[in-house]
Amino acid sequence: MNRGSSTDVFGPVFLVYQSGLVCISILHPPGDDPNHYEHASERWSPIQSVEKILISVMSMLAEPNDESPANVEAAKMWRERRAEYEAKVRADVRRMLGL
């Protein structure tokens, strides 16, 4: 049974690009952000712990940053039609899990 991939799910809006790459500052390459959105201290460095990365992911899920979404269409729906967004994500997750 093919249950799809994480990129088949409409959300979470601000965390996963269509390609499957994760959109979170702490995992971005080290150094200055060419778009001047993130500080170098927010980006990857060898001193980042697994705990800090997981806390960053949980924070992003709890309080999404809609100023820099991975999925612009989903972000717009999240801001303007939250109930519709939540229903779509719920349906996509159920489909992906084969429920």
N, C-alpha and C. Protein backbone atom coordinates (compact mmCIF):
# COMPACT_ATOMS: atom_id res chain seq x y z
N MET A 1 0.84 -1.18 0.00
CA MET A 1 0.00 0.00 0.00
C MET A 1 0.89 1.25 0.00
N ASN A 2 0.70 2.11 -0.96
CA ASN A 2 1.45 3.35 -1.02
C ASN A 2 0.75 4.39 -0.17
N ARG A 3 1.43 4.83 0.85
CA ARG A 3 0.84 5.82 1.75
C ARG A 3 1.29 7.23 1.44
N GLY A 4 1.99 7.41 0.34
CA GLY A 4 2.42 8.76 -0.04
C GLY A 4 3.68 9.16 0.69
N SER A 5 4.04 10.40 0.48
CA SER A 5 5.22 10.93 1.15
C SER A 5 4.84 12.19 1.91
N SER A 6 5.75 12.68 2.71
CA SER A 6 5.47 13.88 3.50
C SER A 6 5.17 15.07 2.60
N THR A 7 5.65 15.06 1.36
CA THR A 7 5.41 16.20 0.47
C THR A 7 4.00 16.16 -0.12
N ASP A 8 3.26 15.05 0.11
CA ASP A 8 1.88 14.96 -0.36
C ASP A 8 0.92 15.70 0.56
N VAL A 9 1.39 16.14 1.71
CA VAL A 9 0.54 16.79 2.70
C VAL A 9 0.62 18.30 2.50
N PHE A 10 -0.52 18.97 2.54
CA PHE A 10 -0.62 20.41 2.31
C PHE A 10 0.11 21.20 3.40
N GLY A 11 0.19 20.70 4.59
CA GLY A 11 0.85 21.39 5.70
C GLY A 11 1.84 20.46 6.33
N PRO A 12 2.58 20.84 7.32
CA PRO A 12 2.54 22.16 7.92
C PRO A 12 3.06 23.23 6.96
N VAL A 13 2.37 24.32 6.97
CA VAL A 13 2.60 25.40 6.04
C VAL A 13 4.05 25.87 5.98
N PHE A 14 4.64 26.03 7.12
CA PHE A 14 5.87 26.80 7.18
C PHE A 14 7.11 25.94 7.37
N LEU A 15 6.99 24.65 7.24
CA LEU A 15 8.09 23.78 7.61
C LEU A 15 8.69 22.97 6.47
N VAL A 16 7.90 22.55 5.51
CA VAL A 16 8.41 21.64 4.48
C VAL A 16 8.14 22.20 3.08
N TYR A 17 9.21 22.30 2.29
CA TYR A 17 9.07 22.71 0.90
C TYR A 17 8.52 21.55 0.08
N GLN A 18 8.01 21.83 -1.10
CA GLN A 18 7.47 20.80 -2.00
C GLN A 18 8.51 19.71 -2.26
N SER A 19 9.77 20.08 -2.29
CA SER A 19 10.86 19.12 -2.54
C SER A 19 11.09 18.17 -1.38
N GLY A 20 10.50 18.50 -0.21
CA GLY A 20 10.71 17.69 0.98
C GLY A 20 11.76 18.27 1.91
N LEU A 21 12.48 19.31 1.47
CA LEU A 21 13.46 19.96 2.33
C LEU A 21 12.75 20.69 3.46
N VAL A 22 13.38 20.73 4.61
CA VAL A 22 12.79 21.38 5.78
C VAL A 22 13.18 22.85 5.79
N CYS A 23 12.20 23.70 6.06
CA CYS A 23 12.39 25.14 6.09
C CYS A 23 12.47 25.59 7.54
N ILE A 24 13.67 25.53 8.10
CA ILE A 24 13.85 25.96 9.49
C ILE A 24 15.27 26.52 9.62
N SER A 25 15.38 27.69 10.20
CA SER A 25 16.64 28.42 10.25
C SER A 25 17.80 27.60 10.79
N ILE A 26 17.56 26.87 11.86
CA ILE A 26 18.63 26.14 12.53
C ILE A 26 19.28 25.09 11.63
N LEU A 27 18.60 24.68 10.56
CA LEU A 27 19.16 23.70 9.63
C LEU A 27 19.70 24.32 8.35
N HIS A 28 19.58 25.64 8.20
CA HIS A 28 20.11 26.31 7.01
C HIS A 28 21.63 26.37 7.09
N PRO A 29 22.32 26.41 5.95
CA PRO A 29 23.79 26.43 5.95
C PRO A 29 24.34 27.58 6.81
N PRO A 30 25.51 27.37 7.40
CA PRO A 30 26.09 28.41 8.25
C PRO A 30 26.43 29.67 7.47
N GLY A 31 26.58 30.76 8.21
CA GLY A 31 26.96 32.03 7.60
C GLY A 31 25.78 32.98 7.51
N ASP A 32 26.02 34.08 6.83
CA ASP A 32 24.99 35.11 6.69
C ASP A 32 23.94 34.69 5.67
N ASP A 33 22.69 35.09 5.93
CA ASP A 33 21.57 34.81 5.03
C ASP A 33 21.62 35.81 3.87
N PRO A 34 21.69 35.33 2.62
CA PRO A 34 21.73 36.25 1.48
C PRO A 34 20.48 37.12 1.37
N ASN A 35 19.37 36.68 1.97
CA ASN A 35 18.14 37.47 1.94
C ASN A 35 18.01 38.39 3.15
N HIS A 36 18.98 38.33 4.06
CA HIS A 36 19.01 39.17 5.26
C HIS A 36 17.80 38.95 6.16
N TYR A 37 17.26 37.72 6.16
CA TYR A 37 16.10 37.42 7.00
C TYR A 37 16.54 36.80 8.32
N GLU A 38 17.59 35.99 8.28
CA GLU A 38 18.05 35.28 9.48
C GLU A 38 19.42 35.80 9.90
N HIS A 39 19.66 35.79 11.20
CA HIS A 39 20.98 36.11 11.73
C HIS A 39 21.85 34.86 11.63
N ALA A 40 23.14 35.04 11.47
CA ALA A 40 24.06 33.90 11.37
C ALA A 40 23.94 33.00 12.58
N SER A 41 23.66 33.56 13.75
CA SER A 41 23.54 32.77 14.98
C SER A 41 22.32 31.85 14.98
N GLU A 42 21.36 32.10 14.09
CA GLU A 42 20.15 31.27 14.00
C GLU A 42 20.33 30.10 13.05
N ARG A 43 21.41 30.09 12.30
CA ARG A 43 21.64 29.08 11.28
C ARG A 43 22.50 27.94 11.82
N TRP A 44 22.69 26.91 11.02
CA TRP A 44 23.40 25.72 11.44
C TRP A 44 24.83 26.02 11.89
N SER A 45 25.23 25.34 12.94
CA SER A 45 26.64 25.30 13.36
C SER A 45 26.83 23.97 14.07
N PRO A 46 28.06 23.48 14.14
CA PRO A 46 28.31 22.17 14.74
C PRO A 46 27.94 22.08 16.22
N ILE A 47 27.76 23.21 16.87
CA ILE A 47 27.42 23.16 18.30
C ILE A 47 25.92 22.97 18.55
N GLN A 48 25.10 22.98 17.49
CA GLN A 48 23.66 22.76 17.66
C GLN A 48 23.43 21.33 18.16
N SER A 49 22.59 21.18 19.14
CA SER A 49 22.28 19.85 19.66
C SER A 49 20.98 19.34 19.04
N VAL A 50 20.80 18.04 19.09
CA VAL A 50 19.56 17.44 18.61
C VAL A 50 18.39 18.03 19.39
N GLU A 51 18.57 18.22 20.69
CA GLU A 51 17.51 18.80 21.52
C GLU A 51 17.12 20.19 21.01
N LYS A 52 18.10 21.02 20.69
CA LYS A 52 17.81 22.38 20.21
C LYS A 52 17.08 22.35 18.87
N ILE A 53 17.47 21.43 18.00
CA ILE A 53 16.80 21.30 16.70
C ILE A 53 15.35 20.87 16.89
N LEU A 54 15.11 19.88 17.76
CA LEU A 54 13.74 19.41 18.01
C LEU A 54 12.90 20.50 18.66
N ILE A 55 13.48 21.27 19.56
CA ILE A 55 12.75 22.39 20.18
C ILE A 55 12.38 23.42 19.11
N SER A 56 13.29 23.68 18.16
CA SER A 56 12.99 24.62 17.07
C SER A 56 11.83 24.13 16.21
N VAL A 57 11.83 22.83 15.90
CA VAL A 57 10.73 22.26 15.11
C VAL A 57 9.42 22.37 15.87
N MET A 58 9.43 22.02 17.16
CA MET A 58 8.20 22.10 17.97
C MET A 58 7.71 23.54 18.07
N SER A 59 8.62 24.49 18.22
CA SER A 59 8.24 25.91 18.29
C SER A 59 7.61 26.37 16.99
N MET A 60 8.19 25.94 15.87
CA MET A 60 7.64 26.35 14.58
C MET A 60 6.25 25.75 14.36
N LEU A 61 6.03 24.53 14.82
CA LEU A 61 4.71 23.92 14.70
C LEU A 61 3.70 24.62 15.60
N ALA A 62 4.13 25.02 16.79
CA ALA A 62 3.24 25.68 17.75
C ALA A 62 2.93 27.11 17.34
N GLU A 63 3.93 27.81 16.81
CA GLU A 63 3.78 29.21 16.44
C GLU A 63 4.42 29.45 15.07
N PRO A 64 3.70 29.08 14.00
CA PRO A 64 4.27 29.22 12.65
C PRO A 64 4.61 30.67 12.31
N ASN A 65 5.67 30.84 11.54
CA ASN A 65 6.08 32.15 11.06
C ASN A 65 5.53 32.32 9.65
N ASP A 66 4.45 33.07 9.52
CA ASP A 66 3.83 33.21 8.20
C ASP A 66 4.49 34.28 7.34
N GLU A 67 5.59 34.87 7.81
CA GLU A 67 6.32 35.85 7.01
C GLU A 67 7.28 35.18 6.03
N SER A 68 7.57 33.90 6.25
CA SER A 68 8.54 33.19 5.42
C SER A 68 8.07 31.75 5.20
N PRO A 69 6.91 31.57 4.54
CA PRO A 69 6.37 30.22 4.40
C PRO A 69 7.07 29.41 3.32
N ALA A 70 7.11 28.10 3.53
CA ALA A 70 7.62 27.19 2.51
C ALA A 70 6.55 27.00 1.43
N ASN A 71 5.28 27.11 1.79
CA ASN A 71 4.16 26.93 0.87
C ASN A 71 3.28 28.17 0.95
N VAL A 72 3.44 29.07 0.00
CA VAL A 72 2.73 30.36 0.02
C VAL A 72 1.22 30.16 -0.04
N GLU A 73 0.76 29.23 -0.88
CA GLU A 73 -0.68 28.97 -1.01
C GLU A 73 -1.27 28.50 0.33
N ALA A 74 -0.57 27.59 0.99
CA ALA A 74 -1.05 27.08 2.27
C ALA A 74 -1.01 28.18 3.34
N ALA A 75 0.02 29.01 3.31
CA ALA A 75 0.13 30.10 4.28
C ALA A 75 -1.03 31.08 4.13
N LYS A 76 -1.38 31.38 2.89
CA LYS A 76 -2.50 32.30 2.64
C LYS A 76 -3.80 31.70 3.18
N MET A 77 -4.01 30.40 2.94
CA MET A 77 -5.21 29.75 3.45
C MET A 77 -5.19 29.73 4.98
N TRP A 78 -4.03 29.47 5.58
CA TRP A 78 -3.88 29.43 7.04
C TRP A 78 -4.27 30.77 7.65
N ARG A 79 -3.84 31.87 7.02
CA ARG A 79 -4.15 33.21 7.54
C ARG A 79 -5.61 33.60 7.32
N GLU A 80 -6.15 33.28 6.14
CA GLU A 80 -7.46 33.81 5.75
C GLU A 80 -8.63 32.85 5.98
N ARG A 81 -8.36 31.54 5.93
CA ARG A 81 -9.45 30.55 6.05
C ARG A 81 -8.95 29.38 6.90
N ARG A 82 -8.70 29.66 8.18
CA ARG A 82 -8.05 28.69 9.07
C ARG A 82 -8.80 27.38 9.15
N ALA A 83 -10.12 27.40 9.28
CA ALA A 83 -10.89 26.15 9.39
C ALA A 83 -10.72 25.29 8.13
N GLU A 84 -10.75 25.92 6.97
CA GLU A 84 -10.56 25.19 5.71
C GLU A 84 -9.15 24.60 5.63
N TYR A 85 -8.15 25.37 6.06
CA TYR A 85 -6.77 24.89 6.09
C TYR A 85 -6.65 23.66 6.98
N GLU A 86 -7.19 23.75 8.20
CA GLU A 86 -7.09 22.64 9.15
C GLU A 86 -7.79 21.39 8.63
N ALA A 87 -8.94 21.56 7.98
CA ALA A 87 -9.66 20.42 7.42
C ALA A 87 -8.85 19.78 6.29
N LYS A 88 -8.23 20.60 5.45
CA LYS A 88 -7.42 20.07 4.34
C LYS A 88 -6.21 19.30 4.86
N VAL A 89 -5.51 19.86 5.83
CA VAL A 89 -4.34 19.18 6.39
C VAL A 89 -4.76 17.87 7.04
N ARG A 90 -5.85 17.91 7.81
CA ARG A 90 -6.36 16.69 8.46
C ARG A 90 -6.66 15.61 7.42
N ALA A 91 -7.33 15.99 6.34
CA ALA A 91 -7.69 15.04 5.28
C ALA A 91 -6.43 14.49 4.60
N ASP A 92 -5.45 15.35 4.34
CA ASP A 92 -4.21 14.91 3.70
C ASP A 92 -3.45 13.93 4.59
N VAL A 93 -3.39 14.20 5.88
CA VAL A 93 -2.69 13.30 6.81
C VAL A 93 -3.41 11.96 6.87
N ARG A 94 -4.73 11.98 6.96
CA ARG A 94 -5.50 10.73 6.99
C ARG A 94 -5.25 9.92 5.71
N ARG A 95 -5.26 10.59 4.57
CA ARG A 95 -5.01 9.92 3.29
C ARG A 95 -3.61 9.33 3.26
N MET A 96 -2.63 10.10 3.71
CA MET A 96 -1.24 9.65 3.71
C MET A 96 -1.06 8.41 4.61
N LEU A 97 -1.81 8.36 5.72
CA LEU A 97 -1.71 7.23 6.65
C LEU A 97 -2.59 6.06 6.24
N GLY A 98 -3.36 6.24 5.18
CA GLY A 98 -4.23 5.17 4.71
C GLY A 98 -5.45 4.96 5.58
N LEU A 99 -5.89 6.01 6.24
CA LEU A 99 -7.07 5.92 7.12
C LEU A 99 -8.34 6.31 6.40
